[in-house]
């Protein structure tokens, strides 16, 4: 659980960077 929380903390630090625009490419099974 500690390792998981440390990973979340690192991910949050990246996502919280104000100088970024974020977008997602997802495979919703609509591709050929």
ModelCIF file with pLDDT and N, C-alpha, C, O atoms, coordinates in Angstrom:
data_MODEL
#
_entry.id   MODEL 
#
_entity.id                         1 
_entity.type                       polymer 
_entity.pdbx_number_of_molecules   1 
#
_entity_poly.entity_id                      1 
_entity_poly.type                           'polypeptide(L)' 
_entity_poly.nstd_linkage                   no 
_entity_poly.nstd_monomer                   no 
_entity_poly.pdbx_seq_one_letter_code       
;(UNK)(UNK)(UNK)(UNK)(UNK)(UNK)(UNK)(UNK)(UNK)(UNK)(UNK)(UNK)(UNK)(UNK)(UNK)(UNK)
(UNK)(UNK)(UNK)(UNK)(UNK)(UNK)(UNK)(UNK)(UNK)(UNK)(UNK)(UNK)(UNK)(UNK)(UNK)(UNK)
;
_entity_poly.pdbx_seq_one_letter_code_can   XXXXXXXXXXXXXXXXXXXXXXXXXXXXXXXX 
_entity_poly.pdbx_strand_id                 A 
#
loop_
_entity_poly_seq.entity_id 
_entity_poly_seq.num 
_entity_poly_seq.mon_id 
_entity_poly_seq.hetero 
1 1  UNK n 
1 2  UNK n 
1 3  UNK n 
1 4  UNK n 
1 5  UNK n 
1 6  UNK n 
1 7  UNK n 
1 8  UNK n 
1 9  UNK n 
1 10 UNK n 
1 11 UNK n 
1 12 UNK n 
1 13 UNK n 
1 14 UNK n 
1 15 UNK n 
1 16 UNK n 
1 17 UNK n 
1 18 UNK n 
1 19 UNK n 
1 20 UNK n 
1 21 UNK n 
1 22 UNK n 
1 23 UNK n 
1 24 UNK n 
1 25 UNK n 
1 26 UNK n 
1 27 UNK n 
1 28 UNK n 
1 29 UNK n 
1 30 UNK n 
1 31 UNK n 
1 32 UNK n 
#
_struct_asym.id          A 
_struct_asym.entity_id   1 
#
loop_
_ma_qa_metric.id 
_ma_qa_metric.mode 
_ma_qa_metric.name 
_ma_qa_metric.software_group_id 
_ma_qa_metric.type 
1 global pLDDT . pLDDT 
2 local  pLDDT . pLDDT 
#
_ma_qa_metric_global.metric_id      1 
_ma_qa_metric_global.metric_value   83.47 
_ma_qa_metric_global.model_id       1 
_ma_qa_metric_global.ordinal_id     1 
#
loop_
_ma_qa_metric_local.label_asym_id 
_ma_qa_metric_local.label_comp_id 
_ma_qa_metric_local.label_seq_id 
_ma_qa_metric_local.metric_id 
_ma_qa_metric_local.metric_value 
_ma_qa_metric_local.model_id 
_ma_qa_metric_local.ordinal_id 
A UNK 1  2 95.00 1 1  
A UNK 2  2 95.00 1 2  
A UNK 3  2 94.00 1 3  
A UNK 4  2 94.00 1 4  
A UNK 5  2 95.00 1 5  
A UNK 6  2 94.00 1 6  
A UNK 7  2 92.00 1 7  
A UNK 8  2 90.00 1 8  
A UNK 9  2 93.00 1 9  
A UNK 10 2 89.00 1 10 
A UNK 11 2 85.00 1 11 
A UNK 12 2 87.00 1 12 
A UNK 13 2 87.00 1 13 
A UNK 14 2 82.00 1 14 
A UNK 15 2 82.00 1 15 
A UNK 16 2 83.00 1 16 
A UNK 17 2 78.00 1 17 
A UNK 18 2 74.00 1 18 
A UNK 19 2 84.00 1 19 
A UNK 20 2 83.00 1 20 
A UNK 21 2 84.00 1 21 
A UNK 22 2 84.00 1 22 
A UNK 23 2 85.00 1 23 
A UNK 24 2 85.00 1 24 
A UNK 25 2 83.00 1 25 
A UNK 26 2 79.00 1 26 
A UNK 27 2 76.00 1 27 
A UNK 28 2 73.00 1 28 
A UNK 29 2 67.00 1 29 
A UNK 30 2 69.00 1 30 
A UNK 31 2 65.00 1 31 
A UNK 32 2 65.00 1 32 
#
loop_
_atom_site.group_PDB 
_atom_site.id 
_atom_site.type_symbol 
_atom_site.label_atom_id 
_atom_site.label_alt_id 
_atom_site.label_comp_id 
_atom_site.label_asym_id 
_atom_site.label_entity_id 
_atom_site.label_seq_id 
_atom_site.pdbx_PDB_ins_code 
_atom_site.Cartn_x 
_atom_site.Cartn_y 
_atom_site.Cartn_z 
_atom_site.occupancy 
_atom_site.B_iso_or_equiv 
_atom_site.pdbx_formal_charge 
_atom_site.auth_seq_id 
_atom_site.auth_comp_id 
_atom_site.auth_asym_id 
_atom_site.auth_atom_id 
_atom_site.pdbx_PDB_model_num 
ATOM 1   N N  . UNK A 1 1  ? 0.826   -1.204 0.000   1.00 95.00 ? 1  UNK A N  1 
ATOM 2   C CA . UNK A 1 1  ? 0.000   0.000  0.000   1.00 95.00 ? 1  UNK A CA 1 
ATOM 3   C C  . UNK A 1 1  ? 0.865   1.261  0.000   1.00 95.00 ? 1  UNK A C  1 
ATOM 4   O O  . UNK A 1 1  ? 0.548   2.235  -0.683  1.00 95.00 ? 1  UNK A O  1 
ATOM 5   N N  . UNK A 1 2  ? 1.946   1.241  0.759   1.00 95.00 ? 2  UNK A N  1 
ATOM 6   C CA . UNK A 1 2  ? 2.868   2.381  0.792   1.00 95.00 ? 2  UNK A CA 1 
ATOM 7   C C  . UNK A 1 2  ? 3.464   2.599  -0.591  1.00 95.00 ? 2  UNK A C  1 
ATOM 8   O O  . UNK A 1 2  ? 3.540   3.732  -1.065  1.00 95.00 ? 2  UNK A O  1 
ATOM 9   N N  . UNK A 1 3  ? 3.890   1.512  -1.245  1.00 94.00 ? 3  UNK A N  1 
ATOM 10  C CA . UNK A 1 3  ? 4.461   1.631  -2.598  1.00 94.00 ? 3  UNK A CA 1 
ATOM 11  C C  . UNK A 1 3  ? 3.434   2.199  -3.567  1.00 94.00 ? 3  UNK A C  1 
ATOM 12  O O  . UNK A 1 3  ? 3.769   3.032  -4.409  1.00 94.00 ? 3  UNK A O  1 
ATOM 13  N N  . UNK A 1 4  ? 2.186   1.753  -3.453  1.00 94.00 ? 4  UNK A N  1 
ATOM 14  C CA . UNK A 1 4  ? 1.111   2.262  -4.318  1.00 94.00 ? 4  UNK A CA 1 
ATOM 15  C C  . UNK A 1 4  ? 0.903   3.760  -4.070  1.00 94.00 ? 4  UNK A C  1 
ATOM 16  O O  . UNK A 1 4  ? 0.775   4.534  -5.019  1.00 94.00 ? 4  UNK A O  1 
ATOM 17  N N  . UNK A 1 5  ? 0.869   4.166  -2.804  1.00 95.00 ? 5  UNK A N  1 
ATOM 18  C CA . UNK A 1 5  ? 0.666   5.580  -2.476  1.00 95.00 ? 5  UNK A CA 1 
ATOM 19  C C  . UNK A 1 5  ? 1.833   6.436  -2.956  1.00 95.00 ? 5  UNK A C  1 
ATOM 20  O O  . UNK A 1 5  ? 1.633   7.572  -3.387  1.00 95.00 ? 5  UNK A O  1 
ATOM 21  N N  . UNK A 1 6  ? 3.041   5.904  -2.884  1.00 94.00 ? 6  UNK A N  1 
ATOM 22  C CA . UNK A 1 6  ? 4.198   6.648  -3.383  1.00 94.00 ? 6  UNK A CA 1 
ATOM 23  C C  . UNK A 1 6  ? 4.095   6.834  -4.899  1.00 94.00 ? 6  UNK A C  1 
ATOM 24  O O  . UNK A 1 6  ? 4.451   7.888  -5.426  1.00 94.00 ? 6  UNK A O  1 
ATOM 25  N N  . UNK A 1 7  ? 3.608   5.807  -5.594  1.00 92.00 ? 7  UNK A N  1 
ATOM 26  C CA . UNK A 1 7  ? 3.394   5.926  -7.036  1.00 92.00 ? 7  UNK A CA 1 
ATOM 27  C C  . UNK A 1 7  ? 2.336   6.970  -7.357  1.00 92.00 ? 7  UNK A C  1 
ATOM 28  O O  . UNK A 1 7  ? 2.491   7.742  -8.303  1.00 92.00 ? 7  UNK A O  1 
ATOM 29  N N  . UNK A 1 8  ? 1.249   6.999  -6.567  1.00 90.00 ? 8  UNK A N  1 
ATOM 30  C CA . UNK A 1 8  ? 0.209   8.006  -6.763  1.00 90.00 ? 8  UNK A CA 1 
ATOM 31  C C  . UNK A 1 8  ? 0.740   9.410  -6.513  1.00 90.00 ? 8  UNK A C  1 
ATOM 32  O O  . UNK A 1 8  ? 0.375   10.357 -7.210  1.00 90.00 ? 8  UNK A O  1 
ATOM 33  N N  . UNK A 1 9  ? 1.598   9.533  -5.520  1.00 93.00 ? 9  UNK A N  1 
ATOM 34  C CA . UNK A 1 9  ? 2.179   10.840 -5.209  1.00 93.00 ? 9  UNK A CA 1 
ATOM 35  C C  . UNK A 1 9  ? 3.023   11.339 -6.382  1.00 93.00 ? 9  UNK A C  1 
ATOM 36  O O  . UNK A 1 9  ? 2.959   12.515 -6.739  1.00 93.00 ? 9  UNK A O  1 
ATOM 37  N N  . UNK A 1 10 ? 3.813   10.444 -6.980  1.00 89.00 ? 10 UNK A N  1 
ATOM 38  C CA . UNK A 1 10 ? 4.624   10.825 -8.141  1.00 89.00 ? 10 UNK A CA 1 
ATOM 39  C C  . UNK A 1 10 ? 3.728   11.204 -9.320  1.00 89.00 ? 10 UNK A C  1 
ATOM 40  O O  . UNK A 1 10 ? 3.982   12.190 -10.011 1.00 89.00 ? 10 UNK A O  1 
ATOM 41  N N  . UNK A 1 11 ? 2.681   10.413 -9.541  1.00 85.00 ? 11 UNK A N  1 
ATOM 42  C CA . UNK A 1 11 ? 1.761   10.707 -10.643 1.00 85.00 ? 11 UNK A CA 1 
ATOM 43  C C  . UNK A 1 11 ? 1.065   12.043 -10.424 1.00 85.00 ? 11 UNK A C  1 
ATOM 44  O O  . UNK A 1 11 ? 0.908   12.823 -11.362 1.00 85.00 ? 11 UNK A O  1 
ATOM 45  N N  . UNK A 1 12 ? 0.649   12.309 -9.198  1.00 87.00 ? 12 UNK A N  1 
ATOM 46  C CA . UNK A 1 12 ? -0.020  13.577 -8.901  1.00 87.00 ? 12 UNK A CA 1 
ATOM 47  C C  . UNK A 1 12 ? 0.913   14.756 -9.153  1.00 87.00 ? 12 UNK A C  1 
ATOM 48  O O  . UNK A 1 12 ? 0.489   15.785 -9.677  1.00 87.00 ? 12 UNK A O  1 
ATOM 49  N N  . UNK A 1 13 ? 2.181   14.607 -8.779  1.00 87.00 ? 13 UNK A N  1 
ATOM 50  C CA . UNK A 1 13 ? 3.147   15.687 -8.999  1.00 87.00 ? 13 UNK A CA 1 
ATOM 51  C C  . UNK A 1 13 ? 3.265   15.999 -10.494 1.00 87.00 ? 13 UNK A C  1 
ATOM 52  O O  . UNK A 1 13 ? 3.354   17.163 -10.884 1.00 87.00 ? 13 UNK A O  1 
ATOM 53  N N  . UNK A 1 14 ? 3.265   14.951 -11.331 1.00 82.00 ? 14 UNK A N  1 
ATOM 54  C CA . UNK A 1 14 ? 3.329   15.179 -12.772 1.00 82.00 ? 14 UNK A CA 1 
ATOM 55  C C  . UNK A 1 14 ? 2.057   15.818 -13.301 1.00 82.00 ? 14 UNK A C  1 
ATOM 56  O O  . UNK A 1 14 ? 2.109   16.746 -14.109 1.00 82.00 ? 14 UNK A O  1 
ATOM 57  N N  . UNK A 1 15 ? 0.918   15.323 -12.846 1.00 82.00 ? 15 UNK A N  1 
ATOM 58  C CA . UNK A 1 15 ? -0.366  15.829 -13.347 1.00 82.00 ? 15 UNK A CA 1 
ATOM 59  C C  . UNK A 1 15 ? -0.650  17.253 -12.883 1.00 82.00 ? 15 UNK A C  1 
ATOM 60  O O  . UNK A 1 15 ? -1.389  17.986 -13.540 1.00 82.00 ? 15 UNK A O  1 
ATOM 61  N N  . UNK A 1 16 ? -0.071  17.643 -11.765 1.00 83.00 ? 16 UNK A N  1 
ATOM 62  C CA . UNK A 1 16 ? -0.338  18.964 -11.203 1.00 83.00 ? 16 UNK A CA 1 
ATOM 63  C C  . UNK A 1 16 ? 0.514   20.062 -11.827 1.00 83.00 ? 16 UNK A C  1 
ATOM 64  O O  . UNK A 1 16 ? 0.332   21.237 -11.508 1.00 83.00 ? 16 UNK A O  1 
ATOM 65  N N  . UNK A 1 17 ? 1.437   19.703 -12.707 1.00 78.00 ? 17 UNK A N  1 
ATOM 66  C CA . UNK A 1 17 ? 2.271   20.716 -13.342 1.00 78.00 ? 17 UNK A CA 1 
ATOM 67  C C  . UNK A 1 17 ? 1.381   21.672 -14.134 1.00 78.00 ? 17 UNK A C  1 
ATOM 68  O O  . UNK A 1 17 ? 0.648   21.254 -15.030 1.00 78.00 ? 17 UNK A O  1 
ATOM 69  N N  . UNK A 1 18 ? 1.453   22.941 -13.797 1.00 74.00 ? 18 UNK A N  1 
ATOM 70  C CA . UNK A 1 18 ? 0.565   23.942 -14.401 1.00 74.00 ? 18 UNK A CA 1 
ATOM 71  C C  . UNK A 1 18 ? 0.954   24.294 -15.833 1.00 74.00 ? 18 UNK A C  1 
ATOM 72  O O  . UNK A 1 18 ? 0.152   24.873 -16.565 1.00 74.00 ? 18 UNK A O  1 
ATOM 73  N N  . UNK A 1 19 ? 2.168   23.953 -16.237 1.00 84.00 ? 19 UNK A N  1 
ATOM 74  C CA . UNK A 1 19 ? 2.621   24.362 -17.558 1.00 84.00 ? 19 UNK A CA 1 
ATOM 75  C C  . UNK A 1 19 ? 2.384   23.278 -18.620 1.00 84.00 ? 19 UNK A C  1 
ATOM 76  O O  . UNK A 1 19 ? 3.115   23.189 -19.607 1.00 84.00 ? 19 UNK A O  1 
ATOM 77  N N  . UNK A 1 20 ? 1.350   22.458 -18.397 1.00 83.00 ? 20 UNK A N  1 
ATOM 78  C CA . UNK A 1 20 ? 1.055   21.364 -19.326 1.00 83.00 ? 20 UNK A CA 1 
ATOM 79  C C  . UNK A 1 20 ? -0.405  21.373 -19.754 1.00 83.00 ? 20 UNK A C  1 
ATOM 80  O O  . UNK A 1 20 ? -1.295  21.720 -18.978 1.00 83.00 ? 20 UNK A O  1 
ATOM 81  N N  . UNK A 1 21 ? -0.629  20.987 -20.998 1.00 84.00 ? 21 UNK A N  1 
ATOM 82  C CA . UNK A 1 21 ? -1.961  20.658 -21.495 1.00 84.00 ? 21 UNK A CA 1 
ATOM 83  C C  . UNK A 1 21 ? -2.009  19.138 -21.579 1.00 84.00 ? 21 UNK A C  1 
ATOM 84  O O  . UNK A 1 21 ? -1.110  18.518 -22.147 1.00 84.00 ? 21 UNK A O  1 
ATOM 85  N N  . UNK A 1 22 ? -3.045  18.539 -21.021 1.00 84.00 ? 22 UNK A N  1 
ATOM 86  C CA . UNK A 1 22 ? -3.172  17.081 -20.993 1.00 84.00 ? 22 UNK A CA 1 
ATOM 87  C C  . UNK A 1 22 ? -4.294  16.634 -21.915 1.00 84.00 ? 22 UNK A C  1 
ATOM 88  O O  . UNK A 1 22 ? -5.335  17.285 -22.006 1.00 84.00 ? 22 UNK A O  1 
ATOM 89  N N  . UNK A 1 23 ? -4.074  15.522 -22.595 1.00 85.00 ? 23 UNK A N  1 
ATOM 90  C CA . UNK A 1 23 ? -5.156  14.885 -23.340 1.00 85.00 ? 23 UNK A CA 1 
ATOM 91  C C  . UNK A 1 23 ? -4.937  13.377 -23.325 1.00 85.00 ? 23 UNK A C  1 
ATOM 92  O O  . UNK A 1 23 ? -3.853  12.892 -23.000 1.00 85.00 ? 23 UNK A O  1 
ATOM 93  N N  . UNK A 1 24 ? -5.976  12.657 -23.680 1.00 85.00 ? 24 UNK A N  1 
ATOM 94  C CA . UNK A 1 24 ? -5.961  11.200 -23.607 1.00 85.00 ? 24 UNK A CA 1 
ATOM 95  C C  . UNK A 1 24 ? -6.246  10.620 -24.988 1.00 85.00 ? 24 UNK A C  1 
ATOM 96  O O  . UNK A 1 24 ? -7.130  11.087 -25.706 1.00 85.00 ? 24 UNK A O  1 
ATOM 97  N N  . UNK A 1 25 ? -5.483  9.598  -25.341 1.00 83.00 ? 25 UNK A N  1 
ATOM 98  C CA . UNK A 1 25 ? -5.785  8.777  -26.511 1.00 83.00 ? 25 UNK A CA 1 
ATOM 99  C C  . UNK A 1 25 ? -6.272  7.455  -25.947 1.00 83.00 ? 25 UNK A C  1 
ATOM 100 O O  . UNK A 1 25 ? -5.542  6.780  -25.222 1.00 83.00 ? 25 UNK A O  1 
ATOM 101 N N  . UNK A 1 26 ? -7.495  7.083  -26.274 1.00 79.00 ? 26 UNK A N  1 
ATOM 102 C CA . UNK A 1 26 ? -8.032  5.851  -25.713 1.00 79.00 ? 26 UNK A CA 1 
ATOM 103 C C  . UNK A 1 26 ? -8.511  4.908  -26.807 1.00 79.00 ? 26 UNK A C  1 
ATOM 104 O O  . UNK A 1 26 ? -8.925  5.333  -27.886 1.00 79.00 ? 26 UNK A O  1 
ATOM 105 N N  . UNK A 1 27 ? -8.443  3.632  -26.505 1.00 76.00 ? 27 UNK A N  1 
ATOM 106 C CA . UNK A 1 27 ? -8.945  2.596  -27.395 1.00 76.00 ? 27 UNK A CA 1 
ATOM 107 C C  . UNK A 1 27 ? -10.297 2.148  -26.854 1.00 76.00 ? 27 UNK A C  1 
ATOM 108 O O  . UNK A 1 27 ? -10.372 1.305  -25.961 1.00 76.00 ? 27 UNK A O  1 
ATOM 109 N N  . UNK A 1 28 ? -11.349 2.716  -27.399 1.00 73.00 ? 28 UNK A N  1 
ATOM 110 C CA . UNK A 1 28 ? -12.704 2.383  -26.964 1.00 73.00 ? 28 UNK A CA 1 
ATOM 111 C C  . UNK A 1 28 ? -13.331 1.308  -27.839 1.00 73.00 ? 28 UNK A C  1 
ATOM 112 O O  . UNK A 1 28 ? -14.554 1.215  -27.938 1.00 73.00 ? 28 UNK A O  1 
ATOM 113 N N  . UNK A 1 29 ? -12.492 0.496  -28.471 1.00 67.00 ? 29 UNK A N  1 
ATOM 114 C CA . UNK A 1 29 ? -12.953 -0.575 -29.355 1.00 67.00 ? 29 UNK A CA 1 
ATOM 115 C C  . UNK A 1 29 ? -13.683 -0.033 -30.579 1.00 67.00 ? 29 UNK A C  1 
ATOM 116 O O  . UNK A 1 29 ? -14.442 -0.767 -31.212 1.00 67.00 ? 29 UNK A O  1 
ATOM 117 N N  . UNK A 1 30 ? -13.468 1.245  -30.928 1.00 69.00 ? 30 UNK A N  1 
ATOM 118 C CA . UNK A 1 30 ? -14.069 1.824  -32.128 1.00 69.00 ? 30 UNK A CA 1 
ATOM 119 C C  . UNK A 1 30 ? -13.093 1.808  -33.295 1.00 69.00 ? 30 UNK A C  1 
ATOM 120 O O  . UNK A 1 30 ? -13.439 2.252  -34.390 1.00 69.00 ? 30 UNK A O  1 
ATOM 121 N N  . UNK A 1 31 ? -11.902 1.314  -33.087 1.00 65.00 ? 31 UNK A N  1 
ATOM 122 C CA . UNK A 1 31 ? -10.890 1.282  -34.125 1.00 65.00 ? 31 UNK A CA 1 
ATOM 123 C C  . UNK A 1 31 ? -11.009 -0.022 -34.900 1.00 65.00 ? 31 UNK A C  1 
ATOM 124 O O  . UNK A 1 31 ? -11.554 -1.001 -34.388 1.00 65.00 ? 31 UNK A O  1 
ATOM 125 N N  . UNK A 1 32 ? -10.503 -0.045 -36.133 1.00 65.00 ? 32 UNK A N  1 
ATOM 126 C CA . UNK A 1 32 ? -10.724 -1.220 -36.976 1.00 65.00 ? 32 UNK A CA 1 
ATOM 127 C C  . UNK A 1 32 ? -10.035 -2.497 -36.494 1.00 65.00 ? 32 UNK A C  1 
ATOM 128 O O  . UNK A 1 32 ? -10.156 -3.543 -37.131 1.00 65.00 ? 32 UNK A O  1 
#
